[in-house]
Amino acid sequence: MAKTIRPLNDRILVQRIEAEEKTAGGILIPDNAKEKPAEGRVVAVGSGKLLESGNRRTPEVKVGDRVLFGKWSGSEVKLEGNEHLLLKEEEILAILES
């Protein structure tokens, strides 16, 4: 049975996009030398930040967006064997547009 997750408030669920296996010059990078990527795809989005006025601010990101986030951002969670990050919207640095 597949689990679904719905982040609360201004939280965003992101699945990391794996880093390249080679450098630009074609040198293979061993697994123990790779850094965790700071790029991912949005999997689920909360309902938005609750403002003091009682209104919610709609998140700027949507499911499917490719985003950049800080190296130490978010909390790691494992869902059905896959690692994800649960971030606050403010921890997302940019949306990558094609």
PDB file of N, CA and C in Angstrom:
ATOM      1  N   MET A   1       0.842  -1.181   0.000  1.00  0.00           N
ATOM      2  CA  MET A   1       0.000   0.000   0.000  1.00  0.00           C
ATOM      3  C   MET A   1       0.887   1.244   0.000  1.00  0.00           C
ATOM      4  N   ALA A   2       0.696   2.102  -0.979  1.00  0.00           N
ATOM      5  CA  ALA A   2       1.514   3.310  -1.118  1.00  0.00           C
ATOM      6  C   ALA A   2       1.086   4.349  -0.086  1.00  0.00           C
ATOM      7  N   LYS A   3       2.092   4.969   0.518  1.00  0.00           N
ATOM      8  CA  LYS A   3       1.823   6.034   1.485  1.00  0.00           C
ATOM      9  C   LYS A   3       1.821   7.368   0.757  1.00  0.00           C
ATOM     10  N   THR A   4       0.967   8.250   1.217  1.00  0.00           N
ATOM     11  CA  THR A   4       1.002   9.621   0.717  1.00  0.00           C
ATOM     12  C   THR A   4       1.350  10.518   1.889  1.00  0.00           C
ATOM     13  N   ILE A   5       1.925  11.659   1.577  1.00  0.00           N
ATOM     14  CA  ILE A   5       2.305  12.592   2.621  1.00  0.00           C
ATOM     15  C   ILE A   5       1.823  13.974   2.216  1.00  0.00           C
ATOM     16  N   ARG A   6       1.307  14.701   3.182  1.00  0.00           N
ATOM     17  CA  ARG A   6       0.843  16.062   2.952  1.00  0.00           C
ATOM     18  C   ARG A   6       1.555  16.959   3.955  1.00  0.00           C
ATOM     19  N   PRO A   7       2.534  17.737   3.493  1.00  0.00           N
ATOM     20  CA  PRO A   7       3.234  18.634   4.412  1.00  0.00           C
ATOM     21  C   PRO A   7       2.270  19.668   4.999  1.00  0.00           C
ATOM     22  N   LEU A   8       2.557  20.098   6.210  1.00  0.00           N
ATOM     23  CA  LEU A   8       1.726  21.091   6.868  1.00  0.00           C
ATOM     24  C   LEU A   8       2.279  22.495   6.673  1.00  0.00           C
ATOM     25  N   ASN A   9       1.386  23.457   6.663  1.00  0.00           N
ATOM     26  CA  ASN A   9       1.719  24.884   6.593  1.00  0.00           C
ATOM     27  C   ASN A   9       2.675  25.208   5.455  1.00  0.00           C
ATOM     28  N   ASP A  10       3.831  25.799   5.755  1.00  0.00           N
ATOM     29  CA  ASP A  10       4.750  26.230   4.702  1.00  0.00           C
ATOM     30  C   ASP A  10       5.864  25.212   4.451  1.00  0.00           C
ATOM     31  N   ARG A  11       5.611  23.957   4.735  1.00  0.00           N
ATOM     32  CA  ARG A  11       6.602  22.907   4.513  1.00  0.00           C
ATOM     33  C   ARG A  11       6.484  22.363   3.079  1.00  0.00           C
ATOM     34  N   ILE A  12       7.630  21.951   2.534  1.00  0.00           N
ATOM     35  CA  ILE A  12       7.726  21.446   1.170  1.00  0.00           C
ATOM     36  C   ILE A  12       8.488  20.125   1.218  1.00  0.00           C
ATOM     37  N   LEU A  13       7.987  19.090   0.553  1.00  0.00           N
ATOM     38  CA  LEU A  13       8.684  17.807   0.461  1.00  0.00           C
ATOM     39  C   LEU A  13       9.420  17.761  -0.870  1.00  0.00           C
ATOM     40  N   VAL A  14      10.747  17.511  -0.790  1.00  0.00           N
ATOM     41  CA  VAL A  14      11.608  17.542  -1.972  1.00  0.00           C
ATOM     42  C   VAL A  14      12.371  16.228  -2.069  1.00  0.00           C
ATOM     43  N   GLN A  15      12.469  15.691  -3.273  1.00  0.00           N
ATOM     44  CA  GLN A  15      13.320  14.526  -3.516  1.00  0.00           C
ATOM     45  C   GLN A  15      14.570  15.031  -4.224  1.00  0.00           C
ATOM     46  N   ARG A  16      15.734  14.691  -3.653  1.00  0.00           N
ATOM     47  CA  ARG A  16      17.000  15.147  -4.234  1.00  0.00           C
ATOM     48  C   ARG A  16      17.177  14.592  -5.643  1.00  0.00           C
ATOM     49  N   ILE A  17      17.792  15.398  -6.495  1.00  0.00           N
ATOM     50  CA  ILE A  17      18.174  14.954  -7.832  1.00  0.00           C
ATOM     51  C   ILE A  17      19.632  14.563  -7.727  1.00  0.00           C
ATOM     52  N   GLU A  18      19.947  13.347  -8.115  1.00  0.00           N
ATOM     53  CA  GLU A  18      21.294  12.806  -7.950  1.00  0.00           C
ATOM     54  C   GLU A  18      22.326  13.621  -8.712  1.00  0.00           C
ATOM     55  N   ALA A  19      23.490  13.774  -8.099  1.00  0.00           N
ATOM     56  CA  ALA A  19      24.602  14.512  -8.695  1.00  0.00           C
ATOM     57  C   ALA A  19      25.206  13.719  -9.852  1.00  0.00           C
ATOM     58  N   GLU A  20      25.927  14.421 -10.687  1.00  0.00           N
ATOM     59  CA  GLU A  20      26.592  13.787 -11.823  1.00  0.00           C
ATOM     60  C   GLU A  20      27.621  12.768 -11.341  1.00  0.00           C
ATOM     61  N   GLU A  21      27.803  11.718 -12.111  1.00  0.00           N
ATOM     62  CA  GLU A  21      28.776  10.677 -11.806  1.00  0.00           C
ATOM     63  C   GLU A  21      30.186  11.062 -12.248  1.00  0.00           C
ATOM     64  N   LYS A  22      30.297  12.057 -13.176  1.00  0.00           N
ATOM     65  CA  LYS A  22      31.592  12.457 -13.724  1.00  0.00           C
ATOM     66  C   LYS A  22      31.761  13.968 -13.616  1.00  0.00           C
ATOM     67  N   THR A  23      33.004  14.400 -13.658  1.00  0.00           N
ATOM     68  CA  THR A  23      33.304  15.824 -13.742  1.00  0.00           C
ATOM     69  C   THR A  23      33.146  16.257 -15.194  1.00  0.00           C
ATOM     70  N   ALA A  24      33.248  17.562 -15.447  1.00  0.00           N
ATOM     71  CA  ALA A  24      33.140  18.080 -16.816  1.00  0.00           C
ATOM     72  C   ALA A  24      34.245  17.518 -17.704  1.00  0.00           C
ATOM     73  N   GLY A  25      35.395  17.180 -17.111  1.00  0.00           N
ATOM     74  CA  GLY A  25      36.506  16.619 -17.873  1.00  0.00           C
ATOM     75  C   GLY A  25      36.397  15.120 -18.090  1.00  0.00           C
ATOM     76  N   GLY A  26      35.340  14.481 -17.564  1.00  0.00           N
ATOM     77  CA  GLY A  26      35.125  13.058 -17.781  1.00  0.00           C
ATOM     78  C   GLY A  26      35.676  12.155 -16.694  1.00  0.00           C
ATOM     79  N   ILE A  27      36.157  12.719 -15.589  1.00  0.00           N
ATOM     80  CA  ILE A  27      36.695  11.913 -14.498  1.00  0.00           C
ATOM     81  C   ILE A  27      35.542  11.383 -13.646  1.00  0.00           C
ATOM     82  N   LEU A  28      35.533  10.073 -13.389  1.00  0.00           N
ATOM     83  CA  LEU A  28      34.492   9.472 -12.556  1.00  0.00           C
ATOM     84  C   LEU A  28      34.700   9.863 -11.091  1.00  0.00           C
ATOM     85  N   ILE A  29      33.607  10.195 -10.417  1.00  0.00           N
ATOM     86  CA  ILE A  29      33.663  10.578  -9.008  1.00  0.00           C
ATOM     87  C   ILE A  29      33.222   9.386  -8.170  1.00  0.00           C
ATOM     88  N   PRO A  30      34.071   8.904  -7.235  1.00  0.00           N
ATOM     89  CA  PRO A  30      33.655   7.778  -6.388  1.00  0.00           C
ATOM     90  C   PRO A  30      32.543   8.199  -5.428  1.00  0.00           C
ATOM     91  N   ASP A  31      31.710   7.235  -5.020  1.00  0.00           N
ATOM     92  CA  ASP A  31      30.572   7.523  -4.147  1.00  0.00           C
ATOM     93  C   ASP A  31      30.958   8.232  -2.859  1.00  0.00           C
ATOM     94  N   ASN A  32      32.095   7.839  -2.260  1.00  0.00           N
ATOM     95  CA  ASN A  32      32.470   8.442  -0.979  1.00  0.00           C
ATOM     96  C   ASN A  32      32.978   9.872  -1.122  1.00  0.00           C
ATOM     97  N   ALA A  33      33.218  10.355  -2.346  1.00  0.00           N
ATOM     98  CA  ALA A  33      33.690  11.725  -2.561  1.00  0.00           C
ATOM     99  C   ALA A  33      32.571  12.659  -3.008  1.00  0.00           C
ATOM    100  N   LYS A  34      31.407  12.101  -3.301  1.00  0.00           N
ATOM    101  CA  LYS A  34      30.290  12.918  -3.769  1.00  0.00           C
ATOM    102  C   LYS A  34      29.660  13.683  -2.606  1.00  0.00           C
ATOM    103  N   GLU A  35      29.252  14.916  -2.894  1.00  0.00           N
ATOM    104  CA  GLU A  35      28.481  15.681  -1.924  1.00  0.00           C
ATOM    105  C   GLU A  35      27.005  15.435  -2.206  1.00  0.00           C
ATOM    106  N   LYS A  36      26.199  15.563  -1.160  1.00  0.00           N
ATOM    107  CA  LYS A  36      24.764  15.441  -1.385  1.00  0.00           C
ATOM    108  C   LYS A  36      24.321  16.617  -2.245  1.00  0.00           C
ATOM    109  N   PRO A  37      23.509  16.350  -3.248  1.00  0.00           N
ATOM    110  CA  PRO A  37      23.094  17.439  -4.129  1.00  0.00           C
ATOM    111  C   PRO A  37      22.198  18.441  -3.409  1.00  0.00           C
ATOM    112  N   ALA A  38      22.303  19.697  -3.820  1.00  0.00           N
ATOM    113  CA  ALA A  38      21.483  20.764  -3.254  1.00  0.00           C
ATOM    114  C   ALA A  38      20.411  21.160  -4.258  1.00  0.00           C
ATOM    115  N   GLU A  39      19.999  20.187  -5.059  1.00  0.00           N
ATOM    116  CA  GLU A  39      18.964  20.399  -6.061  1.00  0.00           C
ATOM    117  C   GLU A  39      17.960  19.267  -5.942  1.00  0.00           C
ATOM    118  N   GLY A  40      16.683  19.587  -6.114  1.00  0.00           N
ATOM    119  CA  GLY A  40      15.677  18.548  -6.006  1.00  0.00           C
ATOM    120  C   GLY A  40      14.405  18.900  -6.733  1.00  0.00           C
ATOM    121  N   ARG A  41      13.494  17.937  -6.729  1.00  0.00           N
ATOM    122  CA  ARG A  41      12.180  18.106  -7.353  1.00  0.00           C
ATOM    123  C   ARG A  41      11.125  18.102  -6.256  1.00  0.00           C
ATOM    124  N   VAL A  42      10.214  19.063  -6.324  1.00  0.00           N
ATOM    125  CA  VAL A  42       9.146  19.187  -5.326  1.00  0.00           C
ATOM    126  C   VAL A  42       8.155  18.046  -5.521  1.00  0.00           C
ATOM    127  N   VAL A  43       7.894  17.307  -4.429  1.00  0.00           N
ATOM    128  CA  VAL A  43       6.993  16.161  -4.459  1.00  0.00           C
ATOM    129  C   VAL A  43       5.631  16.518  -3.868  1.00  0.00           C
ATOM    130  N   ALA A  44       5.629  17.350  -2.814  1.00  0.00           N
ATOM    131  CA  ALA A  44       4.379  17.753  -2.168  1.00  0.00           C
ATOM    132  C   ALA A  44       4.568  19.126  -1.531  1.00  0.00           C
ATOM    133  N   VAL A  45       3.476  19.895  -1.466  1.00  0.00           N
ATOM    134  CA  VAL A  45       3.515  21.261  -0.947  1.00  0.00           C
ATOM    135  C   VAL A  45       2.417  21.438   0.090  1.00  0.00           C
ATOM    136  N   GLY A  46       2.765  22.098   1.199  1.00  0.00           N
ATOM    137  CA  GLY A  46       1.774  22.400   2.235  1.00  0.00           C
ATOM    138  C   GLY A  46       0.820  23.499   1.784  1.00  0.00           C
ATOM    139  N   SER A  47      -0.112  23.859   2.652  1.00  0.00           N
ATOM    140  CA  SER A  47      -1.141  24.835   2.304  1.00  0.00           C
ATOM    141  C   SER A  47      -0.660  26.274   2.374  1.00  0.00           C
ATOM    142  N   GLY A  48       0.523  26.522   2.910  1.00  0.00           N
ATOM    143  CA  GLY A  48       1.063  27.882   2.962  1.00  0.00           C
ATOM    144  C   GLY A  48       1.228  28.368   4.385  1.00  0.00           C
ATOM    145  N   LYS A  49       2.007  29.427   4.532  1.00  0.00           N
ATOM    146  CA  LYS A  49       2.299  29.991   5.847  1.00  0.00           C
ATOM    147  C   LYS A  49       1.079  30.712   6.391  1.00  0.00           C
ATOM    148  N   LEU A  50       0.790  30.457   7.654  1.00  0.00           N
ATOM    149  CA  LEU A  50      -0.322  31.124   8.334  1.00  0.00           C
ATOM    150  C   LEU A  50       0.168  32.477   8.826  1.00  0.00           C
ATOM    151  N   LEU A  51      -0.445  33.539   8.337  1.00  0.00           N
ATOM    152  CA  LEU A  51      -0.059  34.902   8.698  1.00  0.00           C
ATOM    153  C   LEU A  51      -0.776  35.343   9.964  1.00  0.00           C
ATOM    154  N   GLU A  52      -0.278  36.413  10.597  1.00  0.00           N
ATOM    155  CA  GLU A  52      -0.899  36.929  11.820  1.00  0.00           C
ATOM    156  C   GLU A  52      -2.345  37.337  11.596  1.00  0.00           C
ATOM    157  N   SER A  53      -2.686  37.732  10.380  1.00  0.00           N
ATOM    158  CA  SER A  53      -4.052  38.144  10.050  1.00  0.00           C
ATOM    159  C   SER A  53      -5.017  36.957  10.005  1.00  0.00           C
ATOM    160  N   GLY A  54      -4.472  35.743  10.029  1.00  0.00           N
ATOM    161  CA  GLY A  54      -5.301  34.544   9.933  1.00  0.00           C
ATOM    162  C   GLY A  54      -5.395  34.009   8.510  1.00  0.00           C
ATOM    163  N   ASN A  55      -4.903  34.766   7.545  1.00  0.00           N
ATOM    164  CA  ASN A  55      -4.890  34.330   6.145  1.00  0.00           C
ATOM    165  C   ASN A  55      -3.676  33.448   5.894  1.00  0.00           C
ATOM    166  N   ARG A  56      -3.709  32.696   4.806  1.00  0.00           N
ATOM    167  CA  ARG A  56      -2.570  31.869   4.403  1.00  0.00           C
ATOM    168  C   ARG A  56      -1.919  32.486   3.171  1.00  0.00           C
ATOM    169  N   ARG A  57      -0.595  32.484   3.171  1.00  0.00           N
ATOM    170  CA  ARG A  57       0.156  32.946   2.008  1.00  0.00           C
ATOM    171  C   ARG A  57       0.406  31.726   1.132  1.00  0.00           C
ATOM    172  N   THR A  58      -0.053  31.777  -0.100  1.00  0.00           N
ATOM    173  CA  THR A  58       0.095  30.666  -1.033  1.00  0.00           C
ATOM    174  C   THR A  58       1.579  30.435  -1.338  1.00  0.00           C
ATOM    175  N   PRO A  59       2.049  29.180  -1.277  1.00  0.00           N
ATOM    176  CA  PRO A  59       3.455  28.897  -1.590  1.00  0.00           C
ATOM    177  C   PRO A  59       3.794  29.259  -3.036  1.00  0.00           C
ATOM    178  N   GLU A  60       5.035  29.699  -3.251  1.00  0.00           N
ATOM    179  CA  GLU A  60       5.476  30.052  -4.604  1.00  0.00           C
ATOM    180  C   GLU A  60       5.863  28.826  -5.410  1.00  0.00           C
ATOM    181  N   VAL A  61       6.183  27.716  -4.745  1.00  0.00           N
ATOM    182  CA  VAL A  61       6.569  26.499  -5.456  1.00  0.00           C
ATOM    183  C   VAL A  61       5.360  25.592  -5.634  1.00  0.00           C
ATOM    184  N   LYS A  62       5.453  24.712  -6.636  1.00  0.00           N
ATOM    185  CA  LYS A  62       4.381  23.749  -6.875  1.00  0.00           C
ATOM    186  C   LYS A  62       5.004  22.390  -7.150  1.00  0.00           C
ATOM    187  N   VAL A  63       4.207  21.361  -7.057  1.00  0.00           N
ATOM    188  CA  VAL A  63       4.682  19.997  -7.316  1.00  0.00           C
ATOM    189  C   VAL A  63       5.285  19.939  -8.713  1.00  0.00           C
ATOM    190  N   GLY A  64       6.466  19.332  -8.815  1.00  0.00           N
ATOM    191  CA  GLY A  64       7.152  19.192 -10.094  1.00  0.00           C
ATOM    192  C   GLY A  64       8.253  20.214 -10.321  1.00  0.00           C
ATOM    193  N   ASP A  65       8.259  21.332  -9.556  1.00  0.00           N
ATOM    194  CA  ASP A  65       9.307  22.343  -9.708  1.00  0.00           C
ATOM    195  C   ASP A  65      10.666  21.770  -9.332  1.00  0.00           C
ATOM    196  N   ARG A  66      11.711  22.195 -10.060  1.00  0.00           N
ATOM    197  CA  ARG A  66      13.100  21.888  -9.677  1.00  0.00           C
ATOM    198  C   ARG A  66      13.594  23.066  -8.865  1.00  0.00           C
ATOM    199  N   VAL A  67      14.138  22.785  -7.692  1.00  0.00           N
ATOM    200  CA  VAL A  67      14.536  23.846  -6.779  1.00  0.00           C
ATOM    201  C   VAL A  67      15.965  23.648  -6.279  1.00  0.00           C
ATOM    202  N   LEU A  68      16.566  24.752  -5.832  1.00  0.00           N
ATOM    203  CA  LEU A  68      17.855  24.735  -5.163  1.00  0.00           C
ATOM    204  C   LEU A  68      17.624  25.066  -3.703  1.00  0.00           C
ATOM    205  N   PHE A  69      18.369  24.399  -2.815  1.00  0.00           N
ATOM    206  CA  PHE A  69      18.230  24.647  -1.385  1.00  0.00           C
ATOM    207  C   PHE A  69      19.615  24.609  -0.751  1.00  0.00           C
ATOM    208  N   GLY A  70      19.726  25.129   0.464  1.00  0.00           N
ATOM    209  CA  GLY A  70      20.997  25.174   1.165  1.00  0.00           C
ATOM    210  C   GLY A  70      21.504  23.789   1.529  1.00  0.00           C
ATOM    211  N   LYS A  71      22.807  23.688   1.663  1.00  0.00           N
ATOM    212  CA  LYS A  71      23.462  22.413   1.935  1.00  0.00           C
ATOM    213  C   LYS A  71      22.952  21.739   3.207  1.00  0.00           C
ATOM    214  N   TRP A  72      22.680  22.499   4.250  1.00  0.00           N
ATOM    215  CA  TRP A  72      22.274  21.936   5.538  1.00  0.00           C
ATOM    216  C   TRP A  72      20.790  22.163   5.815  1.00  0.00           C
ATOM    217  N   SER A  73      20.016  22.433   4.795  1.00  0.00           N
ATOM    218  CA  SER A  73      18.594  22.745   4.960  1.00  0.00           C
ATOM    219  C   SER A  73      17.750  21.499   5.195  1.00  0.00           C
ATOM    220  N   GLY A  74      16.641  21.699   5.881  1.00  0.00           N
ATOM    221  CA  GLY A  74      15.611  20.687   6.004  1.00  0.00           C
ATOM    222  C   GLY A  74      15.918  19.513   6.911  1.00  0.00           C
ATOM    223  N   SER A  75      14.945  18.625   6.975  1.00  0.00           N
ATOM    224  CA  SER A  75      15.047  17.387   7.748  1.00  0.00           C
ATOM    225  C   SER A  75      14.907  16.216   6.787  1.00  0.00           C
ATOM    226  N   GLU A  76      15.820  15.258   6.907  1.00  0.00           N
ATOM    227  CA  GLU A  76      15.756  14.098   6.023  1.00  0.00           C
ATOM    228  C   GLU A  76      14.684  13.131   6.502  1.00  0.00           C
ATOM    229  N   VAL A  77      13.889  12.637   5.567  1.00  0.00           N
ATOM    230  CA  VAL A  77      12.871  11.628   5.850  1.00  0.00           C
ATOM    231  C   VAL A  77      12.974  10.542   4.789  1.00  0.00           C
ATOM    232  N   LYS A  78      12.674   9.313   5.183  1.00  0.00           N
ATOM    233  CA  LYS A  78      12.722   8.195   4.247  1.00  0.00           C
ATOM    234  C   LYS A  78      11.289   7.715   4.019  1.00  0.00           C
ATOM    235  N   LEU A  79      10.864   7.699   2.770  1.00  0.00           N
ATOM    236  CA  LEU A  79       9.527   7.262   2.395  1.00  0.00           C
ATOM    237  C   LEU A  79       9.642   6.149   1.377  1.00  0.00           C
ATOM    238  N   GLU A  80       9.155   4.973   1.728  1.00  0.00           N
ATOM    239  CA  GLU A  80       9.169   3.804   0.850  1.00  0.00           C
ATOM    240  C   GLU A  80      10.552   3.571   0.244  1.00  0.00           C
ATOM    241  N   GLY A  81      11.586   3.692   1.072  1.00  0.00           N
ATOM    242  CA  GLY A  81      12.947   3.414   0.649  1.00  0.00           C
ATOM    243  C   GLY A  81      13.666   4.566  -0.046  1.00  0.00           C
ATOM    244  N   ASN A  82      12.988   5.670  -0.293  1.00  0.00           N
ATOM    245  CA  ASN A  82      13.606   6.815  -0.962  1.00  0.00           C
ATOM    246  C   ASN A  82      13.815   7.947   0.036  1.00  0.00           C
ATOM    247  N   GLU A  83      14.987   8.582  -0.050  1.00  0.00           N
ATOM    248  CA  GLU A  83      15.273   9.705   0.838  1.00  0.00           C
ATOM    249  C   GLU A  83      14.680  10.990   0.278  1.00  0.00           C
ATOM    250  N   HIS A  84      14.057  11.764   1.154  1.00  0.00           N
ATOM    251  CA  HIS A  84      13.465  13.051   0.814  1.00  0.00           C
ATOM    252  C   HIS A  84      13.919  14.073   1.846  1.00  0.00           C
ATOM    253  N   LEU A  85      13.667  15.337   1.552  1.00  0.00           N
ATOM    254  CA  LEU A  85      13.901  16.422   2.496  1.00  0.00           C
ATOM    255  C   LEU A  85      12.583  17.128   2.749  1.00  0.00           C
ATOM    256  N   LEU A  86      12.344  17.464   3.992  1.00  0.00           N
ATOM    257  CA  LEU A  86      11.189  18.263   4.370  1.00  0.00           C
ATOM    258  C   LEU A  86      11.732  19.634   4.738  1.00  0.00           C
ATOM    259  N   LEU A  87      11.412  20.635   3.918  1.00  0.00           N
ATOM    260  CA  LEU A  87      11.955  21.986   4.059  1.00  0.00           C
ATOM    261  C   LEU A  87      10.852  22.979   4.356  1.00  0.00           C
ATOM    262  N   LYS A  88      11.215  24.079   5.011  1.00  0.00           N
ATOM    263  CA  LYS A  88      10.314  25.225   5.072  1.00  0.00           C
ATOM    264  C   LYS A  88      10.488  25.960   3.757  1.00  0.00           C
ATOM    265  N   GLU A  89       9.449  26.617   3.313  1.00  0.00           N
ATOM    266  CA  GLU A  89       9.530  27.320   2.020  1.00  0.00           C
ATOM    267  C   GLU A  89      10.678  28.326   2.008  1.00  0.00           C
ATOM    268  N   GLU A  90      10.951  28.970   3.124  1.00  0.00           N
ATOM    269  CA  GLU A  90      12.016  29.979   3.183  1.00  0.00           C
ATOM    270  C   GLU A  90      13.418  29.377   3.002  1.00  0.00           C
ATOM    271  N   GLU A  91      13.559  28.051   3.147  1.00  0.00           N
ATOM    272  CA  GLU A  91      14.848  27.395   2.944  1.00  0.00           C
ATOM    273  C   GLU A  91      15.145  27.130   1.472  1.00  0.00           C
ATOM    274  N   ILE A  92      14.147  27.281   0.616  1.00  0.00           N
ATOM    275  CA  ILE A  92      14.348  27.109  -0.823  1.00  0.00           C
ATOM    276  C   ILE A  92      14.945  28.401  -1.362  1.00  0.00           C
ATOM    277  N   LEU A  93      16.083  28.269  -2.048  1.00  0.00           N
ATOM    278  CA  LEU A  93      16.811  29.439  -2.522  1.00  0.00           C
ATOM    279  C   LEU A  93      16.335  29.911  -3.892  1.00  0.00           C
ATOM    280  N   ALA A  94      15.945  28.970  -4.766  1.00  0.00           N
ATOM    281  CA  ALA A  94      15.562  29.343  -6.118  1.00  0.00           C
ATOM    282  C   ALA A  94      14.770  28.219  -6.767  1.00  0.00           C
ATOM    283  N   ILE A  95      13.968  28.589  -7.756  1.00  0.00           N
ATOM    284  CA  ILE A  95      13.265  27.649  -8.617  1.00  0.00           C
ATOM    285  C   ILE A  95      14.009  27.654  -9.953  1.00  0.00           C
ATOM    286  N   LEU A  96      14.394  26.474 -10.436  1.00  0.00           N
ATOM    287  CA  LEU A  96      15.082  26.375 -11.732  1.00  0.00           C
ATOM    288  C   LEU A  96      14.050  26.310 -12.839  1.00  0.00           C
ATOM    289  N   GLU A  97      14.117  27.254 -13.745  1.00  0.00           N
ATOM    290  CA  GLU A  97      13.164  27.290 -14.859  1.00  0.00           C
ATOM    291  C   GLU A  97      13.887  26.920 -16.145  1.00  0.00           C
ATOM    292  N   SER A  98      13.184  26.186 -17.031  1.00  0.00           N
ATOM    293  CA  SER A  98      13.848  25.779 -18.275  1.00  0.00           C
ATOM    294  C   SER A  98      13.645  26.785 -19.381  1.00  0.00           C
TER     295      SER A  98
END
